[in-house]
Amino acid sequence: MASGKYDKYLSRDIETHQEMFGQAFNSGDADAVNSMYTEDAVGVWDPGVPLAGQARRDRVKEFMSYGPSVDAKVLQTLVTGDTAMLIVEWSMETKDADGNPEHLEGVAVDVLQRGEDGNWRYLIDNPYGVSGPRSAEEAAGA
């Protein structure tokens, strides 16, 4: 990957990757977020809908247009060679497609790859892990 204006969000230390992702995400800049993925990364930004390539990049841009903010905590990190898996608990404030406030939360299962430049990037980003998103109503058992 060529270096560029979003390098400040990339991390050579897997322990700081999630913090850097949070900064990129909360900046509201979809290009900054997309810079944190490998070219062939798969993202599941909607439960059960894995996207790759341009479709994934476009979905990130669309989602970021809702003005989301995220708070996340890494629960577990496993690393072997140039591959890492993160289990991340997250919560998000955003708006739905109609512009109404929406709270989402979940536990992500993410797979990252260390590139030739030494930086970690998402290879698989599955924010919902094995479950779907939980809205405030679902979390409350409604």
N, C-alpha and C. Protein backbone atom coordinates (compact mmCIF):
# COMPACT_ATOMS: atom_id res chain seq x y z
N MET A 1 0.84 -1.19 0.00
CA MET A 1 0.00 0.00 0.00
C MET A 1 0.88 1.24 0.00
N ALA A 2 0.51 2.17 -0.77
CA ALA A 2 1.25 3.43 -0.83
C ALA A 2 0.91 4.26 0.41
N SER A 3 1.86 5.05 0.83
CA SER A 3 1.59 5.90 1.98
C SER A 3 0.72 7.07 1.51
N GLY A 4 0.00 7.62 2.46
CA GLY A 4 -0.89 8.71 2.09
C GLY A 4 -1.35 9.49 3.30
N LYS A 5 -2.35 10.34 3.07
CA LYS A 5 -2.79 11.24 4.12
C LYS A 5 -3.50 10.54 5.27
N TYR A 6 -3.87 9.28 5.10
CA TYR A 6 -4.56 8.57 6.17
C TYR A 6 -3.64 7.65 6.96
N ASP A 7 -2.34 7.70 6.68
CA ASP A 7 -1.38 6.86 7.40
C ASP A 7 -1.42 7.09 8.90
N LYS A 8 -1.84 8.27 9.33
CA LYS A 8 -1.87 8.57 10.77
C LYS A 8 -2.82 7.65 11.52
N TYR A 9 -3.76 7.02 10.81
CA TYR A 9 -4.70 6.11 11.45
C TYR A 9 -4.20 4.66 11.46
N LEU A 10 -3.16 4.37 10.71
CA LEU A 10 -2.65 3.01 10.64
C LEU A 10 -1.72 2.73 11.82
N SER A 11 -1.67 1.47 12.21
CA SER A 11 -0.85 1.12 13.36
C SER A 11 -0.03 -0.13 13.08
N ARG A 12 1.21 -0.10 13.50
CA ARG A 12 2.08 -1.27 13.45
C ARG A 12 1.91 -2.11 14.71
N ASP A 13 1.23 -1.57 15.70
CA ASP A 13 1.01 -2.23 16.98
C ASP A 13 -0.45 -2.67 17.05
N ILE A 14 -0.68 -3.98 17.06
CA ILE A 14 -2.05 -4.49 17.08
C ILE A 14 -2.82 -3.98 18.31
N GLU A 15 -2.10 -3.70 19.38
CA GLU A 15 -2.74 -3.23 20.61
C GLU A 15 -3.35 -1.84 20.46
N THR A 16 -2.90 -1.04 19.50
CA THR A 16 -3.46 0.30 19.31
C THR A 16 -4.34 0.40 18.07
N HIS A 17 -4.48 -0.69 17.34
CA HIS A 17 -5.28 -0.65 16.11
C HIS A 17 -6.71 -0.16 16.36
N GLN A 18 -7.38 -0.73 17.36
CA GLN A 18 -8.78 -0.37 17.58
C GLN A 18 -8.93 1.10 17.95
N GLU A 19 -8.00 1.61 18.74
CA GLU A 19 -8.03 3.04 19.09
C GLU A 19 -7.90 3.90 17.84
N MET A 20 -7.00 3.51 16.95
CA MET A 20 -6.80 4.27 15.72
C MET A 20 -8.04 4.17 14.81
N PHE A 21 -8.64 2.98 14.76
CA PHE A 21 -9.86 2.82 13.98
C PHE A 21 -10.95 3.74 14.53
N GLY A 22 -11.09 3.79 15.85
CA GLY A 22 -12.08 4.67 16.47
C GLY A 22 -11.86 6.12 16.08
N GLN A 23 -10.61 6.54 16.04
CA GLN A 23 -10.32 7.92 15.64
C GLN A 23 -10.71 8.17 14.19
N ALA A 24 -10.37 7.22 13.31
CA ALA A 24 -10.73 7.36 11.89
C ALA A 24 -12.25 7.38 11.74
N PHE A 25 -12.92 6.45 12.40
CA PHE A 25 -14.38 6.35 12.31
C PHE A 25 -15.05 7.61 12.83
N ASN A 26 -14.63 8.05 14.00
CA ASN A 26 -15.27 9.21 14.62
C ASN A 26 -14.91 10.52 13.93
N SER A 27 -13.91 10.50 13.04
CA SER A 27 -13.60 11.68 12.24
C SER A 27 -14.69 11.95 11.21
N GLY A 28 -15.48 10.91 10.90
CA GLY A 28 -16.54 11.04 9.91
C GLY A 28 -16.05 10.91 8.47
N ASP A 29 -14.78 10.62 8.28
CA ASP A 29 -14.17 10.55 6.95
C ASP A 29 -14.17 9.11 6.44
N ALA A 30 -15.05 8.81 5.51
CA ALA A 30 -15.15 7.44 4.98
C ALA A 30 -13.86 6.98 4.33
N ASP A 31 -13.13 7.89 3.69
CA ASP A 31 -11.86 7.51 3.07
C ASP A 31 -10.84 7.10 4.13
N ALA A 32 -10.85 7.77 5.27
CA ALA A 32 -9.97 7.39 6.38
C ALA A 32 -10.32 5.99 6.87
N VAL A 33 -11.61 5.71 7.02
CA VAL A 33 -12.05 4.38 7.45
C VAL A 33 -11.64 3.34 6.41
N ASN A 34 -11.93 3.61 5.15
CA ASN A 34 -11.59 2.64 4.10
C ASN A 34 -10.09 2.39 3.98
N SER A 35 -9.27 3.34 4.39
CA SER A 35 -7.82 3.14 4.32
C SER A 35 -7.34 2.08 5.30
N MET A 36 -8.19 1.69 6.23
CA MET A 36 -7.81 0.73 7.26
C MET A 36 -8.17 -0.71 6.88
N TYR A 37 -8.51 -0.92 5.61
CA TYR A 37 -8.88 -2.24 5.10
C TYR A 37 -7.91 -2.65 4.00
N THR A 38 -7.70 -3.97 3.86
CA THR A 38 -6.94 -4.47 2.71
C THR A 38 -7.79 -4.27 1.47
N GLU A 39 -7.16 -4.33 0.31
CA GLU A 39 -7.90 -4.13 -0.95
C GLU A 39 -9.03 -5.14 -1.12
N ASP A 40 -8.82 -6.38 -0.68
CA ASP A 40 -9.81 -7.43 -0.88
C ASP A 40 -10.60 -7.76 0.39
N ALA A 41 -10.61 -6.83 1.34
CA ALA A 41 -11.30 -7.06 2.62
C ALA A 41 -12.78 -7.30 2.44
N VAL A 42 -13.32 -8.07 3.38
CA VAL A 42 -14.75 -8.32 3.46
C VAL A 42 -15.27 -7.59 4.69
N GLY A 43 -16.34 -6.84 4.51
CA GLY A 43 -16.98 -6.14 5.63
C GLY A 43 -18.44 -6.52 5.69
N VAL A 44 -18.95 -6.68 6.91
CA VAL A 44 -20.36 -7.01 7.12
C VAL A 44 -20.99 -5.83 7.85
N TRP A 45 -21.19 -4.74 7.14
CA TRP A 45 -21.73 -3.53 7.75
C TRP A 45 -23.23 -3.62 7.96
N ASP A 46 -23.85 -4.61 7.34
CA ASP A 46 -25.25 -4.94 7.58
C ASP A 46 -25.28 -6.44 7.87
N PRO A 47 -25.96 -6.86 8.95
CA PRO A 47 -25.95 -8.27 9.35
C PRO A 47 -26.30 -9.21 8.19
N GLY A 48 -25.47 -10.21 8.01
CA GLY A 48 -25.73 -11.22 7.00
C GLY A 48 -25.45 -10.78 5.57
N VAL A 49 -24.84 -9.59 5.38
CA VAL A 49 -24.58 -9.08 4.04
C VAL A 49 -23.08 -8.76 3.90
N PRO A 50 -22.26 -9.79 3.65
CA PRO A 50 -20.83 -9.52 3.45
C PRO A 50 -20.58 -8.84 2.12
N LEU A 51 -19.76 -7.80 2.15
CA LEU A 51 -19.43 -7.07 0.94
C LEU A 51 -17.92 -6.97 0.80
N ALA A 52 -17.44 -6.97 -0.43
CA ALA A 52 -16.01 -6.84 -0.70
C ALA A 52 -15.82 -5.83 -1.83
N GLY A 53 -14.57 -5.41 -2.01
CA GLY A 53 -14.23 -4.53 -3.12
C GLY A 53 -14.97 -3.21 -3.08
N GLN A 54 -15.37 -2.73 -4.25
CA GLN A 54 -16.03 -1.43 -4.37
C GLN A 54 -17.36 -1.40 -3.62
N ALA A 55 -18.07 -2.52 -3.58
CA ALA A 55 -19.35 -2.56 -2.86
C ALA A 55 -19.13 -2.29 -1.37
N ARG A 56 -18.06 -2.84 -0.80
CA ARG A 56 -17.76 -2.58 0.61
C ARG A 56 -17.39 -1.11 0.81
N ARG A 57 -16.52 -0.60 -0.05
CA ARG A 57 -16.11 0.81 0.07
C ARG A 57 -17.31 1.75 -0.05
N ASP A 58 -18.21 1.45 -0.98
CA ASP A 58 -19.40 2.29 -1.17
C ASP A 58 -20.32 2.23 0.06
N ARG A 59 -20.46 1.05 0.65
CA ARG A 59 -21.32 0.91 1.83
C ARG A 59 -20.74 1.69 3.01
N VAL A 60 -19.42 1.68 3.15
CA VAL A 60 -18.78 2.47 4.20
C VAL A 60 -19.10 3.95 3.99
N LYS A 61 -18.96 4.44 2.77
CA LYS A 61 -19.26 5.85 2.48
C LYS A 61 -20.72 6.18 2.81
N GLU A 62 -21.63 5.30 2.41
CA GLU A 62 -23.04 5.54 2.69
C GLU A 62 -23.30 5.56 4.20
N PHE A 63 -22.77 4.56 4.91
CA PHE A 63 -22.99 4.47 6.35
C PHE A 63 -22.40 5.68 7.07
N MET A 64 -21.22 6.10 6.66
CA MET A 64 -20.58 7.24 7.32
C MET A 64 -21.36 8.53 7.09
N SER A 65 -22.17 8.58 6.04
CA SER A 65 -22.97 9.78 5.78
C SER A 65 -24.06 9.99 6.83
N TYR A 66 -24.34 8.95 7.65
CA TYR A 66 -25.34 9.07 8.72
C TYR A 66 -24.76 9.72 9.97
N GLY A 67 -23.45 10.01 9.97
CA GLY A 67 -22.81 10.68 11.10
C GLY A 67 -22.64 9.82 12.34
N PRO A 68 -22.24 8.56 12.19
CA PRO A 68 -22.12 7.70 13.37
C PRO A 68 -20.90 8.04 14.22
N SER A 69 -20.97 7.66 15.49
CA SER A 69 -19.81 7.70 16.37
C SER A 69 -19.77 6.37 17.12
N VAL A 70 -18.57 5.88 17.37
CA VAL A 70 -18.42 4.57 17.98
C VAL A 70 -17.52 4.64 19.20
N ASP A 71 -17.80 3.78 20.14
CA ASP A 71 -16.95 3.57 21.30
C ASP A 71 -16.73 2.05 21.36
N ALA A 72 -15.48 1.63 21.51
CA ALA A 72 -15.19 0.20 21.45
C ALA A 72 -14.11 -0.19 22.44
N LYS A 73 -14.19 -1.45 22.87
CA LYS A 73 -13.21 -2.01 23.80
C LYS A 73 -12.81 -3.40 23.30
N VAL A 74 -11.51 -3.62 23.14
CA VAL A 74 -11.01 -4.92 22.72
C VAL A 74 -11.09 -5.87 23.90
N LEU A 75 -11.79 -6.99 23.70
CA LEU A 75 -11.92 -8.01 24.74
C LEU A 75 -10.84 -9.07 24.64
N GLN A 76 -10.41 -9.35 23.40
CA GLN A 76 -9.41 -10.40 23.19
C GLN A 76 -8.64 -10.13 21.92
N THR A 77 -7.35 -10.41 21.96
CA THR A 77 -6.48 -10.28 20.80
C THR A 77 -5.68 -11.57 20.66
N LEU A 78 -5.74 -12.17 19.49
CA LEU A 78 -4.94 -13.36 19.19
C LEU A 78 -4.14 -13.07 17.93
N VAL A 79 -2.83 -13.33 17.99
CA VAL A 79 -1.96 -13.04 16.85
C VAL A 79 -1.13 -14.28 16.53
N THR A 80 -1.05 -14.59 15.23
CA THR A 80 -0.12 -15.59 14.74
C THR A 80 0.48 -15.04 13.46
N GLY A 81 1.78 -14.86 13.48
CA GLY A 81 2.46 -14.30 12.31
C GLY A 81 1.89 -12.95 11.93
N ASP A 82 1.44 -12.83 10.69
CA ASP A 82 0.90 -11.57 10.16
C ASP A 82 -0.62 -11.55 10.15
N THR A 83 -1.25 -12.39 10.98
CA THR A 83 -2.70 -12.45 11.08
C THR A 83 -3.11 -12.27 12.54
N ALA A 84 -4.15 -11.50 12.75
CA ALA A 84 -4.66 -11.29 14.10
C ALA A 84 -6.18 -11.37 14.10
N MET A 85 -6.73 -11.82 15.22
CA MET A 85 -8.17 -11.81 15.42
C MET A 85 -8.46 -10.96 16.65
N LEU A 86 -9.39 -10.05 16.51
CA LEU A 86 -9.82 -9.22 17.62
C LEU A 86 -11.29 -9.50 17.92
N ILE A 87 -11.61 -9.61 19.20
CA ILE A 87 -12.99 -9.65 19.65
C ILE A 87 -13.22 -8.29 20.31
N VAL A 88 -14.19 -7.54 19.78
CA VAL A 88 -14.36 -6.14 20.18
C VAL A 88 -15.81 -5.87 20.55
N GLU A 89 -16.00 -5.37 21.77
CA GLU A 89 -17.33 -4.94 22.20
C GLU A 89 -17.48 -3.47 21.82
N TRP A 90 -18.59 -3.12 21.17
CA TRP A 90 -18.76 -1.76 20.67
C TRP A 90 -20.18 -1.27 20.88
N SER A 91 -20.30 0.05 20.92
CA SER A 91 -21.62 0.69 20.92
C SER A 91 -21.51 1.91 20.01
N MET A 92 -22.63 2.24 19.40
CA MET A 92 -22.62 3.28 18.39
C MET A 92 -23.88 4.12 18.46
N GLU A 93 -23.69 5.42 18.29
CA GLU A 93 -24.81 6.34 18.11
C GLU A 93 -24.79 6.75 16.64
N THR A 94 -25.93 6.64 15.98
CA THR A 94 -26.01 6.97 14.57
C THR A 94 -27.43 7.41 14.25
N LYS A 95 -27.73 7.47 12.98
CA LYS A 95 -29.08 7.74 12.51
C LYS A 95 -29.46 6.63 11.54
N ASP A 96 -30.74 6.31 11.51
CA ASP A 96 -31.19 5.32 10.54
C ASP A 96 -31.39 6.01 9.18
N ALA A 97 -31.83 5.25 8.20
CA ALA A 97 -31.98 5.78 6.84
C ALA A 97 -32.98 6.93 6.77
N ASP A 98 -33.90 7.00 7.76
CA ASP A 98 -34.89 8.09 7.80
C ASP A 98 -34.41 9.29 8.60
N GLY A 99 -33.20 9.21 9.15
CA GLY A 99 -32.65 10.32 9.93
C GLY A 99 -32.99 10.30 11.40
N ASN A 100 -33.61 9.21 11.86
CA ASN A 100 -33.95 9.10 13.28
C ASN A 100 -32.76 8.58 14.08
N PRO A 101 -32.57 9.07 15.30
CA PRO A 101 -31.47 8.59 16.13
C PRO A 101 -31.57 7.08 16.36
N GLU A 102 -30.41 6.43 16.37
CA GLU A 102 -30.38 4.98 16.54
C GLU A 102 -29.16 4.60 17.36
N HIS A 103 -29.36 3.71 18.31
CA HIS A 103 -28.26 3.17 19.12
C HIS A 103 -28.05 1.72 18.71
N LEU A 104 -26.81 1.37 18.37
CA LEU A 104 -26.47 0.00 18.01
C LEU A 104 -25.34 -0.46 18.92
N GLU A 105 -25.28 -1.77 19.15
CA GLU A 105 -24.17 -2.33 19.92
C GLU A 105 -24.00 -3.79 19.54
N GLY A 106 -22.83 -4.31 19.82
CA GLY A 106 -22.57 -5.70 19.50
C GLY A 106 -21.17 -6.11 19.91
N VAL A 107 -20.82 -7.33 19.54
CA VAL A 107 -19.49 -7.86 19.76
C VAL A 107 -18.95 -8.30 18.40
N ALA A 108 -17.91 -7.63 17.96
CA ALA A 108 -17.32 -7.88 16.64
C ALA A 108 -16.29 -9.00 16.70
N VAL A 109 -16.20 -9.71 15.59
CA VAL A 109 -15.11 -10.65 15.34
C VAL A 109 -14.40 -10.13 14.10
N ASP A 110 -13.17 -9.67 14.29
CA ASP A 110 -12.41 -9.04 13.22
C ASP A 110 -11.11 -9.79 12.97
N VAL A 111 -10.77 -9.95 11.71
CA VAL A 111 -9.50 -10.57 11.32
C VAL A 111 -8.68 -9.49 10.61
N LEU A 112 -7.45 -9.32 11.07
CA LEU A 112 -6.56 -8.30 10.50
C LEU A 112 -5.32 -8.96 9.91
N GLN A 113 -4.72 -8.25 8.98
CA GLN A 113 -3.50 -8.72 8.32
C GLN A 113 -2.46 -7.61 8.40
N ARG A 114 -1.24 -8.01 8.75
CA ARG A 114 -0.14 -7.04 8.74
C ARG A 114 0.40 -6.98 7.32
N GLY A 115 0.40 -5.79 6.76
CA GLY A 115 0.86 -5.60 5.38
C GLY A 115 2.37 -5.51 5.29
N GLU A 116 2.86 -5.44 4.07
CA GLU A 116 4.30 -5.31 3.83
C GLU A 116 4.87 -4.07 4.48
N ASP A 117 4.02 -3.05 4.68
CA ASP A 117 4.48 -1.81 5.33
C ASP A 117 4.49 -1.92 6.85
N GLY A 118 4.08 -3.09 7.37
CA GLY A 118 4.07 -3.32 8.81
C GLY A 118 2.80 -2.90 9.52
N ASN A 119 1.86 -2.28 8.80
CA ASN A 119 0.61 -1.81 9.41
C ASN A 119 -0.48 -2.87 9.34
N TRP A 120 -1.31 -2.87 10.39
CA TRP A 120 -2.45 -3.79 10.46
C TRP A 120 -3.65 -3.19 9.75
N ARG A 121 -4.33 -4.02 8.95
CA ARG A 121 -5.56 -3.60 8.26
C ARG A 121 -6.57 -4.74 8.35
N TYR A 122 -7.84 -4.35 8.30
CA TYR A 122 -8.90 -5.35 8.31
C TYR A 122 -8.87 -6.21 7.07
N LEU A 123 -8.95 -7.51 7.28
CA LEU A 123 -9.14 -8.48 6.22
C LEU A 123 -10.60 -8.91 6.22
N ILE A 124 -11.14 -9.09 7.44
CA ILE A 124 -12.56 -9.38 7.65
C ILE A 124 -13.03 -8.52 8.80
N ASP A 125 -14.08 -7.76 8.57
CA ASP A 125 -14.67 -6.90 9.60
C ASP A 125 -16.12 -7.34 9.77
N ASN A 126 -16.38 -8.04 10.87
CA ASN A 126 -17.73 -8.54 11.14
C ASN A 126 -18.21 -7.96 12.47
N PRO A 127 -18.77 -6.73 12.45
CA PRO A 127 -19.16 -6.07 13.69
C PRO A 127 -20.22 -6.82 14.50
N TYR A 128 -20.98 -7.69 13.84
CA TYR A 128 -22.07 -8.37 14.54
C TYR A 128 -21.71 -9.77 14.98
N GLY A 129 -20.48 -10.21 14.74
CA GLY A 129 -20.07 -11.54 15.17
C GLY A 129 -21.06 -12.58 14.71
N VAL A 130 -21.58 -13.35 15.65
CA VAL A 130 -22.53 -14.41 15.30
C VAL A 130 -23.97 -13.97 15.43
N SER A 131 -24.19 -12.74 15.90
CA SER A 131 -25.56 -12.26 16.06
C SER A 131 -25.80 -11.05 15.17
N GLY A 132 -27.03 -10.64 15.10
CA GLY A 132 -27.37 -9.43 14.37
C GLY A 132 -27.15 -8.22 15.24
N PRO A 133 -27.42 -7.03 14.71
CA PRO A 133 -27.23 -5.82 15.52
C PRO A 133 -28.27 -5.79 16.62
N ARG A 134 -27.95 -5.14 17.69
CA ARG A 134 -28.90 -4.98 18.78
C ARG A 134 -29.24 -3.51 18.88
N SER A 135 -30.48 -3.20 18.63
CA SER A 135 -30.94 -1.83 18.86
C SER A 135 -31.20 -1.68 20.34
N ALA A 136 -31.45 -0.49 20.79
CA ALA A 136 -31.75 -0.27 22.21
C ALA A 136 -32.95 -1.10 22.64
N GLU A 137 -33.95 -1.23 21.75
CA GLU A 137 -35.16 -2.00 22.08
C GLU A 137 -34.82 -3.47 22.21
N GLU A 138 -34.00 -4.01 21.30
CA GLU A 138 -33.63 -5.41 21.38
C GLU A 138 -32.81 -5.69 22.63
N ALA A 139 -31.88 -4.80 22.96
CA ALA A 139 -31.05 -5.00 24.14
C ALA A 139 -31.90 -4.98 25.42
N ALA A 140 -33.00 -4.21 25.39
CA ALA A 140 -33.87 -4.13 26.56
C ALA A 140 -34.88 -5.28 26.61
N GLY A 141 -34.87 -6.13 25.58
CA GLY A 141 -35.76 -7.27 25.55
C GLY A 141 -37.15 -6.96 25.03
N ALA A 142 -37.33 -5.84 24.37
CA ALA A 142 -38.65 -5.47 23.84
C ALA A 142 -39.01 -6.29 22.63
